[in-house]
Amino acid sequence: MPSIGGSEWLWIALVAAILLFGSKKLPEVARSIGKAMGEFQKGKMEIEREMRVAAQQVTLTETSRPTVQAPTKKEEIQKAAAALGIDAATKSEEELKKAIKEKLV
């Protein structure tokens, strides 16, 4: 059984189109398909452009944003101690942990 190559499929599709739409309707159908493909390409280009603009804005925003460092463990302990009414300025980290533990028990 012989296999069907690429150019044979083109002829089969053309014959099928003529049978489906008729020879008078075929140019109109081809024109409609061409317009649809043109609209698809316009939409695709518009989306790509919007994505490029959005990516540039994100890049600009990220480079101009100041960096914020996460609080250290000692700062978190001092904040917890202050919330419990413990003087955090004069005590070491270990003293703060012990004072917080005593306050919570």
PDB file of N, CA and C in Angstrom:
ATOM      1  N   MET A   1       0.848  -1.179   0.000  1.00  0.00           N
ATOM      2  CA  MET A   1       0.000   0.000   0.000  1.00  0.00           C
ATOM      3  C   MET A   1       0.892   1.240   0.000  1.00  0.00           C
ATOM      4  N   PRO A   2       0.735   2.097  -1.008  1.00  0.00           N
ATOM      5  CA  PRO A   2       1.593   3.292  -1.088  1.00  0.00           C
ATOM      6  C   PRO A   2       1.196   4.327  -0.032  1.00  0.00           C
ATOM      7  N   SER A   3       2.198   5.028   0.478  1.00  0.00           N
ATOM      8  CA  SER A   3       1.927   6.069   1.478  1.00  0.00           C
ATOM      9  C   SER A   3       1.644   7.394   0.786  1.00  0.00           C
ATOM     10  N   ILE A   4       0.926   8.257   1.465  1.00  0.00           N
ATOM     11  CA  ILE A   4       0.557   9.561   0.905  1.00  0.00           C
ATOM     12  C   ILE A   4       1.513  10.597   1.470  1.00  0.00           C
ATOM     13  N   GLY A   5       2.194  11.339   0.588  1.00  0.00           N
ATOM     14  CA  GLY A   5       3.151  12.360   0.991  1.00  0.00           C
ATOM     15  C   GLY A   5       2.484  13.704   1.229  1.00  0.00           C
ATOM     16  N   GLY A   6       3.288  14.734   1.430  1.00  0.00           N
ATOM     17  CA  GLY A   6       2.785  16.066   1.759  1.00  0.00           C
ATOM     18  C   GLY A   6       2.002  16.732   0.643  1.00  0.00           C
ATOM     19  N   SER A   7       2.495  16.637  -0.602  1.00  0.00           N
ATOM     20  CA  SER A   7       1.815  17.330  -1.698  1.00  0.00           C
ATOM     21  C   SER A   7       0.492  16.646  -2.058  1.00  0.00           C
ATOM     22  N   GLU A   8       0.417  15.333  -1.833  1.00  0.00           N
ATOM     23  CA  GLU A   8      -0.836  14.632  -2.110  1.00  0.00           C
ATOM     24  C   GLU A   8      -1.938  15.104  -1.162  1.00  0.00           C
ATOM     25  N   TRP A   9      -1.602  15.369   0.110  1.00  0.00           N
ATOM     26  CA  TRP A   9      -2.596  15.847   1.075  1.00  0.00           C
ATOM     27  C   TRP A   9      -3.146  17.209   0.656  1.00  0.00           C
ATOM     28  N   LEU A  10      -2.296  18.032   0.055  1.00  0.00           N
ATOM     29  CA  LEU A  10      -2.737  19.344  -0.411  1.00  0.00           C
ATOM     30  C   LEU A  10      -3.808  19.181  -1.490  1.00  0.00           C
ATOM     31  N   TRP A  11      -3.580  18.271  -2.430  1.00  0.00           N
ATOM     32  CA  TRP A  11      -4.560  18.034  -3.493  1.00  0.00           C
ATOM     33  C   TRP A  11      -5.857  17.437  -2.926  1.00  0.00           C
ATOM     34  N   ILE A  12      -5.723  16.528  -1.967  1.00  0.00           N
ATOM     35  CA  ILE A  12      -6.907  15.921  -1.355  1.00  0.00           C
ATOM     36  C   ILE A  12      -7.732  16.997  -0.643  1.00  0.00           C
ATOM     37  N   ALA A  13      -7.059  17.918   0.077  1.00  0.00           N
ATOM     38  CA  ALA A  13      -7.756  18.994   0.784  1.00  0.00           C
ATOM     39  C   ALA A  13      -8.449  19.927  -0.200  1.00  0.00           C
ATOM     40  N   LEU A  14      -7.801  20.222  -1.316  1.00  0.00           N
ATOM     41  CA  LEU A  14      -8.399  21.101  -2.332  1.00  0.00           C
ATOM     42  C   LEU A  14      -9.648  20.466  -2.933  1.00  0.00           C
ATOM     43  N   VAL A  15      -9.578  19.180  -3.253  1.00  0.00           N
ATOM     44  CA  VAL A  15     -10.743  18.486  -3.819  1.00  0.00           C
ATOM     45  C   VAL A  15     -11.875  18.442  -2.795  1.00  0.00           C
ATOM     46  N   ALA A  16     -11.533  18.170  -1.534  1.00  0.00           N
ATOM     47  CA  ALA A  16     -12.556  18.124  -0.478  1.00  0.00           C
ATOM     48  C   ALA A  16     -13.212  19.491  -0.309  1.00  0.00           C
ATOM     49  N   ALA A  17     -12.423  20.571  -0.374  1.00  0.00           N
ATOM     50  CA  ALA A  17     -12.974  21.924  -0.238  1.00  0.00           C
ATOM     51  C   ALA A  17     -13.922  22.239  -1.387  1.00  0.00           C
ATOM     52  N   ILE A  18     -13.557  21.840  -2.589  1.00  0.00           N
ATOM     53  CA  ILE A  18     -14.433  22.096  -3.747  1.00  0.00           C
ATOM     54  C   ILE A  18     -15.729  21.319  -3.608  1.00  0.00           C
ATOM     55  N   LEU A  19     -15.624  20.085  -3.124  1.00  0.00           N
ATOM     56  CA  LEU A  19     -16.832  19.273  -2.942  1.00  0.00           C
ATOM     57  C   LEU A  19     -17.725  19.836  -1.836  1.00  0.00           C
ATOM     58  N   LEU A  20     -17.123  20.335  -0.767  1.00  0.00           N
ATOM     59  CA  LEU A  20     -17.904  20.866   0.351  1.00  0.00           C
ATOM     60  C   LEU A  20     -18.562  22.205   0.032  1.00  0.00           C
ATOM     61  N   PHE A  21     -17.779  23.114  -0.542  1.00  0.00           N
ATOM     62  CA  PHE A  21     -18.264  24.484  -0.716  1.00  0.00           C
ATOM     63  C   PHE A  21     -18.676  24.820  -2.145  1.00  0.00           C
ATOM     64  N   GLY A  22     -18.253  24.069  -3.105  1.00  0.00           N
ATOM     65  CA  GLY A  22     -18.554  24.380  -4.498  1.00  0.00           C
ATOM     66  C   GLY A  22     -17.525  25.357  -5.049  1.00  0.00           C
ATOM     67  N   SER A  23     -17.374  25.347  -6.347  1.00  0.00           N
ATOM     68  CA  SER A  23     -16.330  26.168  -6.971  1.00  0.00           C
ATOM     69  C   SER A  23     -16.641  27.664  -6.895  1.00  0.00           C
ATOM     70  N   LYS A  24     -17.909  28.044  -6.813  1.00  0.00           N
ATOM     71  CA  LYS A  24     -18.246  29.464  -6.743  1.00  0.00           C
ATOM     72  C   LYS A  24     -18.033  30.030  -5.334  1.00  0.00           C
ATOM     73  N   LYS A  25     -18.246  29.223  -4.302  1.00  0.00           N
ATOM     74  CA  LYS A  25     -18.111  29.666  -2.911  1.00  0.00           C
ATOM     75  C   LYS A  25     -16.656  29.634  -2.423  1.00  0.00           C
ATOM     76  N   LEU A  26     -15.792  28.873  -3.095  1.00  0.00           N
ATOM     77  CA  LEU A  26     -14.427  28.663  -2.628  1.00  0.00           C
ATOM     78  C   LEU A  26     -13.627  29.959  -2.467  1.00  0.00           C
ATOM     79  N   PRO A  27     -13.658  30.918  -3.414  1.00  0.00           N
ATOM     80  CA  PRO A  27     -12.912  32.169  -3.210  1.00  0.00           C
ATOM     81  C   PRO A  27     -13.408  32.960  -1.996  1.00  0.00           C
ATOM     82  N   GLU A  28     -14.705  32.935  -1.763  1.00  0.00           N
ATOM     83  CA  GLU A  28     -15.270  33.637  -0.609  1.00  0.00           C
ATOM     84  C   GLU A  28     -14.805  32.996   0.708  1.00  0.00           C
ATOM     85  N   VAL A  29     -14.789  31.685   0.730  1.00  0.00           N
ATOM     86  CA  VAL A  29     -14.326  30.970   1.919  1.00  0.00           C
ATOM     87  C   VAL A  29     -12.840  31.261   2.161  1.00  0.00           C
ATOM     88  N   ALA A  30     -12.046  31.237   1.102  1.00  0.00           N
ATOM     89  CA  ALA A  30     -10.613  31.517   1.223  1.00  0.00           C
ATOM     90  C   ALA A  30     -10.386  32.941   1.730  1.00  0.00           C
ATOM     91  N   ARG A  31     -11.164  33.896   1.255  1.00  0.00           N
ATOM     92  CA  ARG A  31     -11.054  35.283   1.696  1.00  0.00           C
ATOM     93  C   ARG A  31     -11.398  35.394   3.187  1.00  0.00           C
ATOM     94  N   SER A  32     -12.437  34.707   3.613  1.00  0.00           N
ATOM     95  CA  SER A  32     -12.831  34.719   5.032  1.00  0.00           C
ATOM     96  C   SER A  32     -11.748  34.109   5.911  1.00  0.00           C
ATOM     97  N   ILE A  33     -11.173  33.022   5.446  1.00  0.00           N
ATOM     98  CA  ILE A  33     -10.083  32.393   6.209  1.00  0.00           C
ATOM     99  C   ILE A  33      -8.888  33.328   6.292  1.00  0.00           C
ATOM    100  N   GLY A  34      -8.577  34.009   5.212  1.00  0.00           N
ATOM    101  CA  GLY A  34      -7.463  34.970   5.218  1.00  0.00           C
ATOM    102  C   GLY A  34      -7.700  36.113   6.186  1.00  0.00           C
ATOM    103  N   LYS A  35      -8.926  36.647   6.209  1.00  0.00           N
ATOM    104  CA  LYS A  35      -9.253  37.727   7.153  1.00  0.00           C
ATOM    105  C   LYS A  35      -9.145  37.239   8.592  1.00  0.00           C
ATOM    106  N   ALA A  36      -9.639  36.035   8.842  1.00  0.00           N
ATOM    107  CA  ALA A  36      -9.572  35.474  10.197  1.00  0.00           C
ATOM    108  C   ALA A  36      -8.126  35.303  10.634  1.00  0.00           C
ATOM    109  N   MET A  37      -7.289  34.832   9.731  1.00  0.00           N
ATOM    110  CA  MET A  37      -5.863  34.662  10.071  1.00  0.00           C
ATOM    111  C   MET A  37      -5.196  36.012  10.322  1.00  0.00           C
ATOM    112  N   GLY A  38      -5.583  37.016   9.563  1.00  0.00           N
ATOM    113  CA  GLY A  38      -5.042  38.353   9.774  1.00  0.00           C
ATOM    114  C   GLY A  38      -5.431  38.905  11.144  1.00  0.00           C
ATOM    115  N   GLU A  39      -6.681  38.734  11.526  1.00  0.00           N
ATOM    116  CA  GLU A  39      -7.135  39.183  12.848  1.00  0.00           C
ATOM    117  C   GLU A  39      -6.417  38.426  13.958  1.00  0.00           C
ATOM    118  N   PHE A  40      -6.205  37.136  13.756  1.00  0.00           N
ATOM    119  CA  PHE A  40      -5.482  36.339  14.738  1.00  0.00           C
ATOM    120  C   PHE A  40      -4.061  36.870  14.913  1.00  0.00           C
ATOM    121  N   GLN A  41      -3.390  37.176  13.797  1.00  0.00           N
ATOM    122  CA  GLN A  41      -2.016  37.701  13.866  1.00  0.00           C
ATOM    123  C   GLN A  41      -1.982  39.056  14.575  1.00  0.00           C
ATOM    124  N   LYS A  42      -2.967  39.921  14.298  1.00  0.00           N
ATOM    125  CA  LYS A  42      -3.032  41.224  14.979  1.00  0.00           C
ATOM    126  C   LYS A  42      -3.181  41.041  16.482  1.00  0.00           C
ATOM    127  N   GLY A  43      -4.091  40.157  16.875  1.00  0.00           N
ATOM    128  CA  GLY A  43      -4.300  39.888  18.293  1.00  0.00           C
ATOM    129  C   GLY A  43      -3.054  39.327  18.955  1.00  0.00           C
ATOM    130  N   LYS A  44      -2.392  38.425  18.271  1.00  0.00           N
ATOM    131  CA  LYS A  44      -1.164  37.821  18.795  1.00  0.00           C
ATOM    132  C   LYS A  44      -0.085  38.881  18.991  1.00  0.00           C
ATOM    133  N   MET A  45       0.086  39.759  18.006  1.00  0.00           N
ATOM    134  CA  MET A  45       1.098  40.815  18.111  1.00  0.00           C
ATOM    135  C   MET A  45       0.761  41.779  19.241  1.00  0.00           C
ATOM    136  N   GLU A  46      -0.512  42.103  19.430  1.00  0.00           N
ATOM    137  CA  GLU A  46      -0.938  43.013  20.500  1.00  0.00           C
ATOM    138  C   GLU A  46      -0.645  42.402  21.875  1.00  0.00           C
ATOM    139  N   ILE A  47      -0.947  41.134  22.030  1.00  0.00           N
ATOM    140  CA  ILE A  47      -0.675  40.460  23.313  1.00  0.00           C
ATOM    141  C   ILE A  47       0.821  40.416  23.588  1.00  0.00           C
ATOM    142  N   GLU A  48       1.621  40.108  22.566  1.00  0.00           N
ATOM    143  CA  GLU A  48       3.076  40.077  22.743  1.00  0.00           C
ATOM    144  C   GLU A  48       3.604  41.454  23.141  1.00  0.00           C
ATOM    145  N   ARG A  49       3.067  42.506  22.518  1.00  0.00           N
ATOM    146  CA  ARG A  49       3.506  43.867  22.846  1.00  0.00           C
ATOM    147  C   ARG A  49       3.149  44.200  24.293  1.00  0.00           C
ATOM    148  N   GLU A  50       1.925  43.859  24.708  1.00  0.00           N
ATOM    149  CA  GLU A  50       1.512  44.135  26.087  1.00  0.00           C
ATOM    150  C   GLU A  50       2.373  43.370  27.089  1.00  0.00           C
ATOM    151  N   MET A  51       2.748  42.148  26.738  1.00  0.00           N
ATOM    152  CA  MET A  51       3.596  41.356  27.635  1.00  0.00           C
ATOM    153  C   MET A  51       4.992  41.976  27.752  1.00  0.00           C
ATOM    154  N   ARG A  52       5.533  42.494  26.637  1.00  0.00           N
ATOM    155  CA  ARG A  52       6.848  43.148  26.687  1.00  0.00           C
ATOM    156  C   ARG A  52       6.795  44.401  27.556  1.00  0.00           C
ATOM    157  N   VAL A  53       5.746  45.204  27.399  1.00  0.00           N
ATOM    158  CA  VAL A  53       5.593  46.426  28.195  1.00  0.00           C
ATOM    159  C   VAL A  53       5.463  46.085  29.675  1.00  0.00           C
ATOM    160  N   ALA A  54       4.656  45.077  29.991  1.00  0.00           N
ATOM    161  CA  ALA A  54       4.482  44.673  31.392  1.00  0.00           C
ATOM    162  C   ALA A  54       5.789  44.161  31.982  1.00  0.00           C
ATOM    163  N   ALA A  55       6.552  43.409  31.197  1.00  0.00           N
ATOM    164  CA  ALA A  55       7.837  42.886  31.681  1.00  0.00           C
ATOM    165  C   ALA A  55       8.811  44.033  31.935  1.00  0.00           C
ATOM    166  N   GLN A  56       8.804  45.052  31.084  1.00  0.00           N
ATOM    167  CA  GLN A  56       9.679  46.203  31.291  1.00  0.00           C
ATOM    168  C   GLN A  56       9.270  46.960  32.550  1.00  0.00           C
ATOM    169  N   GLN A  57       7.975  47.102  32.785  1.00  0.00           N
ATOM    170  CA  GLN A  57       7.513  47.807  33.983  1.00  0.00           C
ATOM    171  C   GLN A  57       7.893  47.050  35.234  1.00  0.00           C
ATOM    172  N   VAL A  58       7.782  45.725  35.213  1.00  0.00           N
ATOM    173  CA  VAL A  58       8.160  44.924  36.375  1.00  0.00           C
ATOM    174  C   VAL A  58       9.646  45.057  36.634  1.00  0.00           C
ATOM    175  N   THR A  59      10.452  45.030  35.573  1.00  0.00           N
ATOM    176  CA  THR A  59      11.895  45.166  35.725  1.00  0.00           C
ATOM    177  C   THR A  59      12.245  46.521  36.311  1.00  0.00           C
ATOM    178  N   LEU A  60      11.605  47.577  35.825  1.00  0.00           N
ATOM    179  CA  LEU A  60      11.874  48.916  36.347  1.00  0.00           C
ATOM    180  C   LEU A  60      11.454  49.023  37.803  1.00  0.00           C
ATOM    181  N   THR A  61      10.314  48.447  38.139  1.00  0.00           N
ATOM    182  CA  THR A  61       9.816  48.504  39.514  1.00  0.00           C
ATOM    183  C   THR A  61      10.745  47.758  40.458  1.00  0.00           C
ATOM    184  N   GLU A  62      11.222  46.586  40.043  1.00  0.00           N
ATOM    185  CA  GLU A  62      12.089  45.793  40.905  1.00  0.00           C
ATOM    186  C   GLU A  62      13.431  46.462  41.131  1.00  0.00           C
ATOM    187  N   THR A  63      13.969  47.155  40.130  1.00  0.00           N
ATOM    188  CA  THR A  63      15.277  47.787  40.298  1.00  0.00           C
ATOM    189  C   THR A  63      15.186  49.061  41.130  1.00  0.00           C
ATOM    190  N   SER A  64      14.017  49.697  41.153  1.00  0.00           N
ATOM    191  CA  SER A  64      13.896  50.941  41.908  1.00  0.00           C
ATOM    192  C   SER A  64      13.355  50.729  43.311  1.00  0.00           C
ATOM    193  N   ARG A  65      12.944  49.504  43.637  1.00  0.00           N
ATOM    194  CA  ARG A  65      12.369  49.225  44.946  1.00  0.00           C
ATOM    195  C   ARG A  65      13.484  49.073  45.974  1.00  0.00           C
ATOM    196  N   PRO A  66      13.374  49.748  47.136  1.00  0.00           N
ATOM    197  CA  PRO A  66      14.400  49.588  48.160  1.00  0.00           C
ATOM    198  C   PRO A  66      14.315  48.194  48.773  1.00  0.00           C
ATOM    199  N   THR A  67      15.460  47.681  49.161  1.00  0.00           N
ATOM    200  CA  THR A  67      15.477  46.345  49.760  1.00  0.00           C
ATOM    201  C   THR A  67      15.192  46.447  51.249  1.00  0.00           C
ATOM    202  N   VAL A  68      14.417  45.517  51.747  1.00  0.00           N
ATOM    203  CA  VAL A  68      14.060  45.482  53.157  1.00  0.00           C
ATOM    204  C   VAL A  68      14.630  44.196  53.728  1.00  0.00           C
ATOM    205  N   GLN A  69      15.416  44.327  54.786  1.00  0.00           N
ATOM    206  CA  GLN A  69      16.000  43.146  55.399  1.00  0.00           C
ATOM    207  C   GLN A  69      15.045  42.587  56.440  1.00  0.00           C
ATOM    208  N   ALA A  70      15.025  41.281  56.536  1.00  0.00           N
ATOM    209  CA  ALA A  70      14.186  40.625  57.527  1.00  0.00           C
ATOM    210  C   ALA A  70      14.781  40.876  58.913  1.00  0.00           C
ATOM    211  N   PRO A  71      13.932  41.029  59.909  1.00  0.00           N
ATOM    212  CA  PRO A  71      14.453  41.267  61.251  1.00  0.00           C
ATOM    213  C   PRO A  71      15.256  40.062  61.750  1.00  0.00           C
ATOM    214  N   THR A  72      16.280  40.350  62.527  1.00  0.00           N
ATOM    215  CA  THR A  72      17.105  39.279  63.080  1.00  0.00           C
ATOM    216  C   THR A  72      16.386  38.623  64.241  1.00  0.00           C
ATOM    217  N   LYS A  73      16.935  37.523  64.690  1.00  0.00           N
ATOM    218  CA  LYS A  73      16.308  36.786  65.786  1.00  0.00           C
ATOM    219  C   LYS A  73      16.278  37.649  67.047  1.00  0.00           C
ATOM    220  N   LYS A  74      17.354  38.395  67.303  1.00  0.00           N
ATOM    221  CA  LYS A  74      17.414  39.240  68.494  1.00  0.00           C
ATOM    222  C   LYS A  74      16.358  40.338  68.426  1.00  0.00           C
ATOM    223  N   GLU A  75      16.174  40.917  67.235  1.00  0.00           N
ATOM    224  CA  GLU A  75      15.163  41.965  67.077  1.00  0.00           C
ATOM    225  C   GLU A  75      13.764  41.409  67.336  1.00  0.00           C
ATOM    226  N   GLU A  76      13.523  40.182  66.891  1.00  0.00           N
ATOM    227  CA  GLU A  76      12.215  39.568  67.126  1.00  0.00           C
ATOM    228  C   GLU A  76      11.994  39.328  68.624  1.00  0.00           C
ATOM    229  N   ILE A  77      13.052  38.878  69.311  1.00  0.00           N
ATOM    230  CA  ILE A  77      12.948  38.639  70.750  1.00  0.00           C
ATOM    231  C   ILE A  77      12.712  39.959  71.477  1.00  0.00           C
ATOM    232  N   GLN A  78      13.412  41.020  71.064  1.00  0.00           N
ATOM    233  CA  GLN A  78      13.225  42.332  71.692  1.00  0.00           C
ATOM    234  C   GLN A  78      11.801  42.841  71.468  1.00  0.00           C
ATOM    235  N   LYS A  79      11.277  42.606  70.279  1.00  0.00           N
ATOM    236  CA  LYS A  79       9.919  43.051  69.977  1.00  0.00           C
ATOM    237  C   LYS A  79       8.902  42.293  70.840  1.00  0.00           C
ATOM    238  N   ALA A  80       9.114  40.977  70.998  1.00  0.00           N
ATOM    239  CA  ALA A  80       8.213  40.172  71.828  1.00  0.00           C
ATOM    240  C   ALA A  80       8.297  40.616  73.285  1.00  0.00           C
ATOM    241  N   ALA A  81       9.507  40.910  73.761  1.00  0.00           N
ATOM    242  CA  ALA A  81       9.683  41.356  75.140  1.00  0.00           C
ATOM    243  C   ALA A  81       9.000  42.699  75.364  1.00  0.00           C
ATOM    244  N   ALA A  82       9.142  43.607  74.422  1.00  0.00           N
ATOM    245  CA  ALA A  82       8.507  44.919  74.545  1.00  0.00           C
ATOM    246  C   ALA A  82       6.984  44.769  74.577  1.00  0.00           C
ATOM    247  N   ALA A  83       6.448  43.827  73.810  1.00  0.00           N
ATOM    248  CA  ALA A  83       5.002  43.611  73.796  1.00  0.00           C
ATOM    249  C   ALA A  83       4.504  43.086  75.146  1.00  0.00           C
ATOM    250  N   LEU A  84       5.388  42.391  75.853  1.00  0.00           N
ATOM    251  CA  LEU A  84       5.013  41.869  77.170  1.00  0.00           C
ATOM    252  C   LEU A  84       5.346  42.841  78.307  1.00  0.00           C
ATOM    253  N   GLY A  85       5.893  44.007  77.966  1.00  0.00           N
ATOM    254  CA  GLY A  85       6.213  45.020  78.971  1.00  0.00           C
ATOM    255  C   GLY A  85       7.567  44.812  79.638  1.00  0.00           C
ATOM    256  N   ILE A  86       8.457  44.089  78.999  1.00  0.00           N
ATOM    257  CA  ILE A  86       9.800  43.843  79.538  1.00  0.00           C
ATOM    258  C   ILE A  86      10.759  44.846  78.914  1.00  0.00           C
ATOM    259  N   ASP A  87      11.639  45.436  79.749  1.00  0.00           N
ATOM    260  CA  ASP A  87      12.633  46.395  79.251  1.00  0.00           C
ATOM    261  C   ASP A  87      13.681  45.625  78.459  1.00  0.00           C
ATOM    262  N   ALA A  88      13.699  45.781  77.163  1.00  0.00           N
ATOM    263  CA  ALA A  88      14.569  44.999  76.298  1.00  0.00           C
ATOM    264  C   ALA A  88      15.905  45.672  76.028  1.00  0.00           C
ATOM    265  N   ALA A  89      16.036  46.931  76.355  1.00  0.00           N
ATOM    266  CA  ALA A  89      17.236  47.673  76.000  1.00  0.00           C
ATOM    267  C   ALA A  89      18.455  47.269  76.827  1.00  0.00           C
ATOM    268  N   THR A  90      18.256  46.881  78.053  1.00  0.00           N
ATOM    269  CA  THR A  90      19.397  46.631  78.945  1.00  0.00           C
ATOM    270  C   THR A  90      19.719  45.155  79.114  1.00  0.00           C
ATOM    271  N   LYS A  91      18.992  44.256  78.521  1.00  0.00           N
ATOM    272  CA  LYS A  91      19.189  42.830  78.747  1.00  0.00           C
ATOM    273  C   LYS A  91      19.772  42.152  77.515  1.00  0.00           C
ATOM    274  N   SER A  92      20.492  41.058  77.753  1.00  0.00           N
ATOM    275  CA  SER A  92      21.037  40.257  76.660  1.00  0.00           C
ATOM    276  C   SER A  92      19.937  39.379  76.083  1.00  0.00           C
ATOM    277  N   GLU A  93      20.268  38.696  75.029  1.00  0.00           N
ATOM    278  CA  GLU A  93      19.281  37.841  74.367  1.00  0.00           C
ATOM    279  C   GLU A  93      18.834  36.709  75.297  1.00  0.00           C
ATOM    280  N   GLU A  94      19.774  36.115  76.010  1.00  0.00           N
ATOM    281  CA  GLU A  94      19.439  35.030  76.941  1.00  0.00           C
ATOM    282  C   GLU A  94      18.569  35.532  78.090  1.00  0.00           C
ATOM    283  N   GLU A  95      18.882  36.720  78.608  1.00  0.00           N
ATOM    284  CA  GLU A  95      18.080  37.298  79.691  1.00  0.00           C
ATOM    285  C   GLU A  95      16.661  37.606  79.215  1.00  0.00           C
ATOM    286  N   LEU A  96      16.562  38.060  77.980  1.00  0.00           N
ATOM    287  CA  LEU A  96      15.239  38.350  77.407  1.00  0.00           C
ATOM    288  C   LEU A  96      14.417  37.071  77.259  1.00  0.00           C
ATOM    289  N   LYS A  97      15.058  36.000  76.780  1.00  0.00           N
ATOM    290  CA  LYS A  97      14.347  34.728  76.627  1.00  0.00           C
ATOM    291  C   LYS A  97      13.824  34.254  77.986  1.00  0.00           C
ATOM    292  N   LYS A  98      14.688  34.360  79.018  1.00  0.00           N
ATOM    293  CA  LYS A  98      14.303  33.918  80.343  1.00  0.00           C
ATOM    294  C   LYS A  98      13.163  34.792  80.882  1.00  0.00           C
ATOM    295  N   ALA A  99      13.235  36.100  80.679  1.00  0.00           N
ATOM    296  CA  ALA A  99      12.193  37.004  81.160  1.00  0.00           C
ATOM    297  C   ALA A  99      10.869  36.752  80.448  1.00  0.00           C
ATOM    298  N   ILE A 100      10.915  36.492  79.144  1.00  0.00           N
ATOM    299  CA  ILE A 100       9.697  36.210  78.387  1.00  0.00           C
ATOM    300  C   ILE A 100       9.077  34.900  78.873  1.00  0.00           C
ATOM    301  N   LYS A 101       9.933  33.902  79.092  1.00  0.00           N
ATOM    302  CA  LYS A 101       9.436  32.608  79.582  1.00  0.00           C
ATOM    303  C   LYS A 101       8.764  32.748  80.931  1.00  0.00           C
ATOM    304  N   GLU A 102       9.379  33.535  81.829  1.00  0.00           N
ATOM    305  CA  GLU A 102       8.807  33.739  83.161  1.00  0.00           C
ATOM    306  C   GLU A 102       7.483  34.499  83.065  1.00  0.00           C
ATOM    307  N   LYS A 103       7.440  35.471  82.179  1.00  0.00           N
ATOM    308  CA  LYS A 103       6.222  36.284  82.027  1.00  0.00           C
ATOM    309  C   LYS A 103       5.057  35.446  81.502  1.00  0.00           C
ATOM    310  N   LEU A 104       5.362  34.477  80.629  1.00  0.00           N
ATOM    311  CA  LEU A 104       4.300  33.672  80.016  1.00  0.00           C
ATOM    312  C   LEU A 104       3.828  32.541  80.942  1.00  0.00           C
ATOM    313  N   VAL A 105       4.650  32.150  81.892  1.00  0.00           N
ATOM    314  CA  VAL A 105       4.261  31.032  82.760  1.00  0.00           C
ATOM    315  C   VAL A 105       3.431  31.488  83.907  1.00  0.00           C
TER     316      VAL A 105
END
